[in-house]
Protein backbone atom coordinates (compact mmCIF):
# COMPACT_ATOMS: atom_id res chain seq x y z
CA MET A 1 0.00 0.00 0.00
CA GLY A 2 2.67 2.49 -0.70
CA SER A 3 6.38 2.68 -0.58
CA GLU A 4 8.32 1.53 2.44
CA HIS A 5 10.03 4.91 2.48
CA GLU A 6 6.80 6.89 2.92
CA PRO A 7 5.54 7.51 6.45
CA ALA A 8 2.13 6.09 7.25
CA VAL A 9 -0.84 8.44 7.16
CA GLY A 10 -1.42 10.12 10.50
CA THR A 11 2.11 9.61 11.76
CA SER A 12 4.65 12.32 11.94
CA SER A 13 8.34 12.00 12.51
CA SER A 14 8.75 15.68 13.36
CA SER A 15 7.51 17.87 16.16
CA SER A 16 4.88 20.58 15.68
CA GLY A 17 7.62 23.22 15.69
CA ASP A 18 9.06 21.67 12.55
CA ALA A 19 5.75 22.21 10.75
CA ALA A 20 6.25 25.98 10.97
CA ASP A 21 9.78 25.58 9.66
CA LYS A 22 8.51 23.49 6.77
CA ASP A 23 5.93 26.16 5.85
CA GLY A 24 8.55 28.88 6.14
CA ILE A 25 6.50 30.97 8.55
CA THR A 26 8.61 33.60 10.30
CA ILE A 27 7.86 36.10 13.04
CA GLY A 28 8.28 38.91 10.51
CA SER A 29 5.70 37.41 8.17
CA ILE A 30 3.22 37.08 11.02
CA VAL A 31 3.75 40.70 12.06
CA VAL A 32 3.36 41.99 8.50
CA ALA A 33 0.20 39.91 8.01
CA ALA A 34 -1.25 41.23 11.27
CA ILE A 35 -0.93 44.91 10.26
CA PRO A 36 -3.98 44.99 7.93
CA PHE A 37 -5.96 42.84 10.36
CA PHE A 38 -5.45 45.27 13.23
CA ALA A 39 -5.89 48.28 10.96
CA LEU A 40 -9.30 47.02 9.88
CA THR A 41 -10.47 45.81 13.29
CA LEU A 42 -9.10 48.48 15.62
CA GLY A 43 -8.70 51.42 13.25
CA PRO A 44 -12.40 52.27 12.89
CA PHE A 45 -12.53 53.13 16.58
CA VAL A 46 -10.00 55.90 15.86
CA ALA A 47 -11.09 56.81 12.32
CA ASN A 48 -14.84 56.97 12.98
CA ARG A 49 -15.51 60.40 11.43
CA LEU A 50 -17.69 61.77 8.67
CA GLU A 51 -15.34 64.64 7.86
CA PRO A 52 -13.04 65.06 6.03
CA ARG A 53 -14.41 63.51 2.88
CA ILE A 54 -11.95 61.72 0.60
CA PHE A 55 -13.08 61.37 -3.03
CA GLY A 56 -16.60 62.11 -1.78
CA LEU A 57 -16.53 59.23 0.71
CA PRO A 58 -16.80 59.67 4.47
CA PHE A 59 -13.41 59.26 6.13
CA LEU A 60 -14.25 55.91 7.76
CA LEU A 61 -15.40 54.37 4.48
CA ALA A 62 -12.33 55.71 2.65
CA TYR A 63 -10.13 54.33 5.45
CA CYS A 64 -11.67 50.84 5.13
CA VAL A 65 -11.44 50.87 1.32
CA PHE A 66 -7.80 51.96 1.56
CA TRP A 67 -6.89 49.06 3.85
CA VAL A 68 -8.87 46.51 1.83
CA LEU A 69 -7.03 47.59 -1.32
CA LEU A 70 -3.66 47.63 0.48
CA THR A 71 -4.04 44.17 2.09
CA PRO A 72 -2.81 42.26 -1.01
CA VAL A 73 0.40 44.33 -0.93
CA PHE A 74 1.01 43.21 2.65
CA LEU A 75 0.24 39.59 1.78
CA PHE A 76 2.68 39.78 -1.13
CA CYS A 77 5.33 41.00 1.34
CA VAL A 78 4.46 38.11 3.66
CA ASP A 79 4.99 35.69 0.79
CA ARG A 80 8.39 37.25 0.06
CA LEU A 81 9.36 37.04 3.77
CA ARG A 82 8.62 33.32 4.03
CA LYS A 83 11.62 31.00 4.13
CA ARG A 84 11.98 28.96 0.95
């Protein structure tokens, strides 16, 4: 049922810490990925204003649109920061 050199399903020869190393996740990538998350979840408490208007949008809506459009840039940086 498979090669003798393949580990059986459900068994792991490495610890859970090695899984993060295998994926290439670094502290820097986690921090960069967390920036848009916190900007979109905590930022509206600070940016909850109607004025000034940006491109005719209330400030809070413009703030959310800005971060939604900027999130892929941060995720691209996270991909570049991952260990290969």
